[in-house]
C-alpha atoms as a PDB file:
ATOM      1  CA  UNK A   1       0.055   0.007   0.192  1.00  0.00           C
ATOM      2  CA  UNK A   2       1.393   3.373  -1.008  1.00  0.00           C
ATOM      3  CA  UNK A   3       1.621   5.624   2.017  1.00  0.00           C
ATOM      4  CA  UNK A   4       1.579   9.060   0.299  1.00  0.00           C
ATOM      5  CA  UNK A   5      -1.357  11.255   0.255  1.00  0.00           C
ATOM      6  CA  UNK A   6      -1.533  13.602  -2.795  1.00  0.00           C
ATOM      7  CA  UNK A   7      -2.370  17.287  -2.471  1.00  0.00           C
ATOM      8  CA  UNK A   8      -3.854  19.749  -4.738  1.00  0.00           C
ATOM      9  CA  UNK A   9      -1.709  22.532  -6.022  1.00  0.00           C
ATOM     10  CA  UNK A  10      -2.319  25.727  -3.968  1.00  0.00           C
ATOM     11  CA  UNK A  11      -4.190  27.291  -7.062  1.00  0.00           C
ATOM     12  CA  UNK A  12      -6.534  24.509  -6.945  1.00  0.00           C
ATOM     13  CA  UNK A  13      -6.178  23.726 -10.601  1.00  0.00           C
ATOM     14  CA  UNK A  14      -4.552  21.115 -12.751  1.00  0.00           C
ATOM     15  CA  UNK A  15      -4.292  23.236 -15.827  1.00  0.00           C
ATOM     16  CA  UNK A  16      -1.550  23.083 -18.309  1.00  0.00           C
ATOM     17  CA  UNK A  17      -1.914  26.272 -20.413  1.00  0.00           C
ATOM     18  CA  UNK A  18      -2.532  25.968 -24.091  1.00  0.00           C
ATOM     19  CA  UNK A  19       0.114  27.567 -26.360  1.00  0.00           C
ATOM     20  CA  UNK A  20       0.132  28.936 -29.747  1.00  0.00           C
ATOM     21  CA  UNK A  21       1.469  26.025 -32.279  1.00  0.00           C
ATOM     22  CA  UNK A  22       0.147  22.758 -33.781  1.00  0.00           C
ATOM     23  CA  UNK A  23      -2.034  20.317 -31.663  1.00  0.00           C
ATOM     24  CA  UNK A  24      -4.731  17.613 -32.260  1.00  0.00           C
ATOM     25  CA  UNK A  25      -8.151  18.935 -31.563  1.00  0.00           C
ATOM     26  CA  UNK A  26     -11.046  16.593 -31.149  1.00  0.00           C
ATOM     27  CA  UNK A  27     -14.565  18.159 -31.890  1.00  0.00           C
ATOM     28  CA  UNK A  28     -16.781  17.245 -28.983  1.00  0.00           C
ATOM     29  CA  UNK A  29     -19.626  19.505 -29.779  1.00  0.00           C
ATOM     30  CA  UNK A  30     -21.269  21.971 -32.068  1.00  0.00           C
ATOM     31  CA  UNK A  31     -23.779  24.345 -30.713  1.00  0.00           C
ATOM     32  CA  UNK A  32     -25.738  27.621 -31.604  1.00  0.00           C
ATOM     33  CA  UNK A  33     -23.845  30.814 -30.849  1.00  0.00           C
ATOM     34  CA  UNK A  34     -25.369  34.564 -30.765  1.00  0.00           C
ATOM     35  CA  UNK A  35     -26.149  35.796 -34.260  1.00  0.00           C
ATOM     36  CA  UNK A  36     -23.539  38.509 -35.186  1.00  0.00           C
ATOM     37  CA  UNK A  37     -23.583  41.439 -37.610  1.00  0.00           C
ATOM     38  CA  UNK A  38     -23.380  39.451 -40.706  1.00  0.00           C
ATOM     39  CA  UNK A  39     -25.916  36.546 -39.718  1.00  0.00           C
ATOM     40  CA  UNK A  40     -26.160  33.261 -37.719  1.00  0.00           C
ATOM     41  CA  UNK A  41     -23.161  31.729 -35.885  1.00  0.00           C
ATOM     42  CA  UNK A  42     -22.250  28.454 -34.079  1.00  0.00           C
ATOM     43  CA  UNK A  43     -19.562  27.370 -31.510  1.00  0.00           C
ATOM     44  CA  UNK A  44     -17.244  24.418 -32.086  1.00  0.00           C
ATOM     45  CA  UNK A  45     -16.044  22.985 -28.934  1.00  0.00           C
ATOM     46  CA  UNK A  46     -12.766  21.196 -29.131  1.00  0.00           C
ATOM     47  CA  UNK A  47     -10.693  19.106 -26.752  1.00  0.00           C
ATOM     48  CA  UNK A  48      -7.092  19.815 -27.520  1.00  0.00           C
ATOM     49  CA  UNK A  49      -4.316  17.250 -27.252  1.00  0.00           C
ATOM     50  CA  UNK A  50      -0.557  16.919 -27.785  1.00  0.00           C
ATOM     51  CA  UNK A  51       1.314  13.744 -28.541  1.00  0.00           C
ATOM     52  CA  UNK A  52       3.869  12.276 -26.317  1.00  0.00           C
ATOM     53  CA  UNK A  53       6.631   9.917 -27.208  1.00  0.00           C
ATOM     54  CA  UNK A  54       4.337   8.448 -30.040  1.00  0.00           C
ATOM     55  CA  UNK A  55       1.250   9.708 -32.061  1.00  0.00           C
ATOM     56  CA  UNK A  56      -0.954   7.286 -29.906  1.00  0.00           C
ATOM     57  CA  UNK A  57       0.314   8.708 -26.778  1.00  0.00           C
ATOM     58  CA  UNK A  58      -2.228  11.784 -26.459  1.00  0.00           C
ATOM     59  CA  UNK A  59      -1.608  14.211 -23.587  1.00  0.00           C
ATOM     60  CA  UNK A  60      -4.649  16.586 -23.025  1.00  0.00           C
ATOM     61  CA  UNK A  61      -3.243  20.246 -23.351  1.00  0.00           C
ATOM     62  CA  UNK A  62      -5.387  21.707 -20.565  1.00  0.00           C
ATOM     63  CA  UNK A  63      -7.684  20.763 -17.628  1.00  0.00           C
ATOM     64  CA  UNK A  64     -10.350  22.451 -15.870  1.00  0.00           C
ATOM     65  CA  UNK A  65     -10.399  22.816 -11.868  1.00  0.00           C
ATOM     66  CA  UNK A  66     -12.507  19.628 -11.695  1.00  0.00           C
ATOM     67  CA  UNK A  67      -9.807  17.626 -13.597  1.00  0.00           C
ATOM     68  CA  UNK A  68     -12.024  17.310 -16.674  1.00  0.00           C
ATOM     69  CA  UNK A  69     -10.363  17.883 -20.120  1.00  0.00           C
ATOM     70  CA  UNK A  70     -10.663  21.751 -21.040  1.00  0.00           C
ATOM     71  CA  UNK A  71     -12.738  22.640 -23.968  1.00  0.00           C
ATOM     72  CA  UNK A  72     -11.633  25.422 -26.549  1.00  0.00           C
ATOM     73  CA  UNK A  73     -14.307  27.146 -28.064  1.00  0.00           C
ATOM     74  CA  UNK A  74     -14.238  28.537 -31.447  1.00  0.00           C
ATOM     75  CA  UNK A  75     -16.904  30.537 -33.318  1.00  0.00           C
ATOM     76  CA  UNK A  76     -17.655  30.406 -37.040  1.00  0.00           C
ATOM     77  CA  UNK A  77     -20.601  31.726 -39.201  1.00  0.00           C
ATOM     78  CA  UNK A  78     -23.238  29.003 -40.306  1.00  0.00           C
ATOM     79  CA  UNK A  79     -22.545  30.117 -43.840  1.00  0.00           C
ATOM     80  CA  UNK A  80     -20.941  26.941 -45.875  1.00  0.00           C
ATOM     81  CA  UNK A  81     -19.860  28.566 -49.169  1.00  0.00           C
ATOM     82  CA  UNK A  82     -16.888  27.648 -51.158  1.00  0.00           C
ATOM     83  CA  UNK A  83     -14.598  30.428 -52.381  1.00  0.00           C
ATOM     84  CA  UNK A  84     -12.316  30.375 -55.491  1.00  0.00           C
ATOM     85  CA  UNK A  85      -9.379  30.264 -53.049  1.00  0.00           C
ATOM     86  CA  UNK A  86      -8.825  28.603 -49.729  1.00  0.00           C
ATOM     87  CA  UNK A  87      -8.917  31.970 -47.791  1.00  0.00           C
ATOM     88  CA  UNK A  88     -12.263  32.814 -49.287  1.00  0.00           C
ATOM     89  CA  UNK A  89     -14.041  29.666 -48.442  1.00  0.00           C
ATOM     90  CA  UNK A  90     -16.228  29.684 -45.025  1.00  0.00           C
ATOM     91  CA  UNK A  91     -14.594  28.592 -41.933  1.00  0.00           C
ATOM     92  CA  UNK A  92     -17.473  26.226 -41.154  1.00  0.00           C
ATOM     93  CA  UNK A  93     -16.869  24.314 -44.607  1.00  0.00           C
ATOM     94  CA  UNK A  94     -13.115  24.218 -43.991  1.00  0.00           C
ATOM     95  CA  UNK A  95     -13.587  22.621 -40.493  1.00  0.00           C
ATOM     96  CA  UNK A  96     -16.376  20.203 -41.838  1.00  0.00           C
ATOM     97  CA  UNK A  97     -14.138  19.137 -44.741  1.00  0.00           C
ATOM     98  CA  UNK A  98     -11.183  18.643 -42.369  1.00  0.00           C
ATOM     99  CA  UNK A  99     -13.080  16.583 -39.961  1.00  0.00           C
ATOM    100  CA  UNK A 100     -14.676  14.479 -42.544  1.00  0.00           C
ATOM    101  CA  UNK A 101     -11.492  14.144 -44.598  1.00  0.00           C
ATOM    102  CA  UNK A 102     -13.253  14.937 -47.832  1.00  0.00           C
ATOM    103  CA  UNK A 103     -14.655  17.956 -49.881  1.00  0.00           C
ATOM    104  CA  UNK A 104     -18.237  18.622 -49.805  1.00  0.00           C
ATOM    105  CA  UNK A 105     -20.001  18.734 -53.232  1.00  0.00           C
ATOM    106  CA  UNK A 106     -22.472  21.955 -53.481  1.00  0.00           C
ATOM    107  CA  UNK A 107     -25.236  19.649 -54.352  1.00  0.00           C
ATOM    108  CA  UNK A 108     -24.773  17.426 -51.278  1.00  0.00           C
ATOM    109  CA  UNK A 109     -27.418  17.791 -48.633  1.00  0.00           C
ATOM    110  CA  UNK A 110     -26.113  19.532 -45.567  1.00  0.00           C
ATOM    111  CA  UNK A 111     -28.340  17.797 -43.277  1.00  0.00           C
ATOM    112  CA  UNK A 112     -26.641  15.518 -40.642  1.00  0.00           C
ATOM    113  CA  UNK A 113     -22.982  16.675 -41.757  1.00  0.00           C
ATOM    114  CA  UNK A 114     -22.254  18.404 -38.326  1.00  0.00           C
ATOM    115  CA  UNK A 115     -23.329  15.360 -36.435  1.00  0.00           C
ATOM    116  CA  UNK A 116     -20.761  13.434 -38.532  1.00  0.00           C
ATOM    117  CA  UNK A 117     -18.146  15.793 -37.284  1.00  0.00           C
ATOM    118  CA  UNK A 118     -18.754  15.351 -33.420  1.00  0.00           C
ATOM    119  CA  UNK A 119     -15.970  12.925 -32.078  1.00  0.00           C
ATOM    120  CA  UNK A 120     -13.671  13.278 -35.066  1.00  0.00           C
ATOM    121  CA  UNK A 121      -9.869  14.694 -34.682  1.00  0.00           C
ATOM    122  CA  UNK A 122      -8.373  17.365 -36.850  1.00  0.00           C
ATOM    123  CA  UNK A 123      -5.054  19.150 -36.825  1.00  0.00           C
ATOM    124  CA  UNK A 124      -5.300  22.612 -35.505  1.00  0.00           C
ATOM    125  CA  UNK A 125      -2.982  25.475 -35.694  1.00  0.00           C
ATOM    126  CA  UNK A 126      -3.453  28.029 -32.830  1.00  0.00           C
ATOM    127  CA  UNK A 127      -2.332  31.633 -32.809  1.00  0.00           C
ATOM    128  CA  UNK A 128      -2.328  34.349 -30.132  1.00  0.00           C
ATOM    129  CA  UNK A 129      -4.171  37.374 -30.490  1.00  0.00           C
ATOM    130  CA  UNK A 130      -3.062  40.801 -29.550  1.00  0.00           C
ATOM    131  CA  UNK A 131      -5.582  40.570 -26.571  1.00  0.00           C
ATOM    132  CA  UNK A 132      -3.908  37.322 -25.468  1.00  0.00           C
ATOM    133  CA  UNK A 133      -6.682  34.837 -26.683  1.00  0.00           C
ATOM    134  CA  UNK A 134      -5.913  31.725 -28.722  1.00  0.00           C
ATOM    135  CA  UNK A 135      -7.589  31.480 -32.199  1.00  0.00           C
ATOM    136  CA  UNK A 136      -7.646  28.546 -34.577  1.00  0.00           C
ATOM    137  CA  UNK A 137      -5.943  29.986 -37.626  1.00  0.00           C
ATOM    138  CA  UNK A 138      -5.770  26.700 -39.652  1.00  0.00           C
ATOM    139  CA  UNK A 139      -7.761  23.408 -39.580  1.00  0.00           C
ATOM    140  CA  UNK A 140      -6.559  20.450 -41.521  1.00  0.00           C
ATOM    141  CA  UNK A 141      -7.508  16.775 -41.801  1.00  0.00           C
ATOM    142  CA  UNK A 142      -5.879  14.633 -39.206  1.00  0.00           C
ATOM    143  CA  UNK A 143      -3.625  11.953 -40.556  1.00  0.00           C
ATOM    144  CA  UNK A 144      -2.739   8.951 -38.333  1.00  0.00           C
ATOM    145  CA  UNK A 145       0.689   9.123 -37.041  1.00  0.00           C
ATOM    146  CA  UNK A 146       0.985  13.126 -37.213  1.00  0.00           C
ATOM    147  CA  UNK A 147       3.054  14.183 -34.232  1.00  0.00           C
ATOM    148  CA  UNK A 148       2.065  17.122 -32.345  1.00  0.00           C
ATOM    149  CA  UNK A 149       4.480  17.601 -29.577  1.00  0.00           C
ATOM    150  CA  UNK A 150       3.800  19.738 -26.450  1.00  0.00           C
ATOM    151  CA  UNK A 151       5.415  23.073 -27.330  1.00  0.00           C
ATOM    152  CA  UNK A 152       8.026  24.434 -25.097  1.00  0.00           C
ATOM    153  CA  UNK A 153       6.982  27.564 -23.282  1.00  0.00           C
ATOM    154  CA  UNK A 154       8.306  30.403 -25.551  1.00  0.00           C
ATOM    155  CA  UNK A 155      10.521  32.955 -24.227  1.00  0.00           C
ATOM    156  CA  UNK A 156       8.349  35.945 -23.322  1.00  0.00           C
ATOM    157  CA  UNK A 157      10.895  38.411 -25.078  1.00  0.00           C
ATOM    158  CA  UNK A 158      10.435  36.428 -28.425  1.00  0.00           C
ATOM    159  CA  UNK A 159       7.740  37.125 -30.945  1.00  0.00           C
ATOM    160  CA  UNK A 160       8.332  33.629 -32.647  1.00  0.00           C
ATOM    161  CA  UNK A 161       5.970  30.790 -32.326  1.00  0.00           C
ATOM    162  CA  UNK A 162       7.194  27.189 -32.093  1.00  0.00           C
ATOM    163  CA  UNK A 163       5.952  25.156 -35.384  1.00  0.00           C
ATOM    164  CA  UNK A 164       7.593  22.369 -37.113  1.00  0.00           C
ATOM    165  CA  UNK A 165       4.792  21.518 -39.347  1.00  0.00           C
ATOM    166  CA  UNK A 166       3.907  18.203 -37.633  1.00  0.00           C
ATOM    167  CA  UNK A 167       5.797  15.063 -38.052  1.00  0.00           C
ATOM    168  CA  UNK A 168       3.562  12.439 -40.060  1.00  0.00           C
ATOM    169  CA  UNK A 169       4.640   8.709 -39.356  1.00  0.00           C
ATOM    170  CA  UNK A 170       3.644   5.938 -41.913  1.00  0.00           C
ATOM    171  CA  UNK A 171       0.234   4.639 -40.960  1.00  0.00           C
ATOM    172  CA  UNK A 172      -3.424   3.929 -41.877  1.00  0.00           C
ATOM    173  CA  UNK A 173      -5.508   7.176 -41.795  1.00  0.00           C
ATOM    174  CA  UNK A 174      -8.372   5.056 -40.365  1.00  0.00           C
ATOM    175  CA  UNK A 175      -6.180   4.560 -37.291  1.00  0.00           C
ATOM    176  CA  UNK A 176      -7.352   7.567 -35.457  1.00  0.00           C
ATOM    177  CA  UNK A 177      -6.530   8.183 -31.841  1.00  0.00           C
ATOM    178  CA  UNK A 178     -10.009   8.441 -30.366  1.00  0.00           C
END
């Protein structure tokens, strides 16, 4: 029998702060968000993970005070248009196509697409805003074996963000970590 009693940190939280850079996001929910100036919006709720020594060794990036995995909230419009270039395509479409790992045809019915996204992983690239918040700048399909190592704490005097582009290992894409 172990004769040690664990103690909570003095702050009462087990949080590891999220940092800018590449991570693996698991879409855990999609909900309505308040309408904005240009129309209806939705929240995307992500559990954020990093990889340990292997791509299957997933480490939650941050925790809530109760020990549950922290959920990062991201907001997009409900618009689903495809632009002539990637930067003109609706963010909601980019997220759905990344999570489903396929392009959506314009003639395809949209009913049920969001339900198919819940529980699926994608690669996320987080950037810090001037206000100090983290925003999702890039969402790409998750490929099994992609490494997203826990970023080192950046030097506060440095403006550089750590990013190595991820390191894919040969593996079957259907072998998702979740």
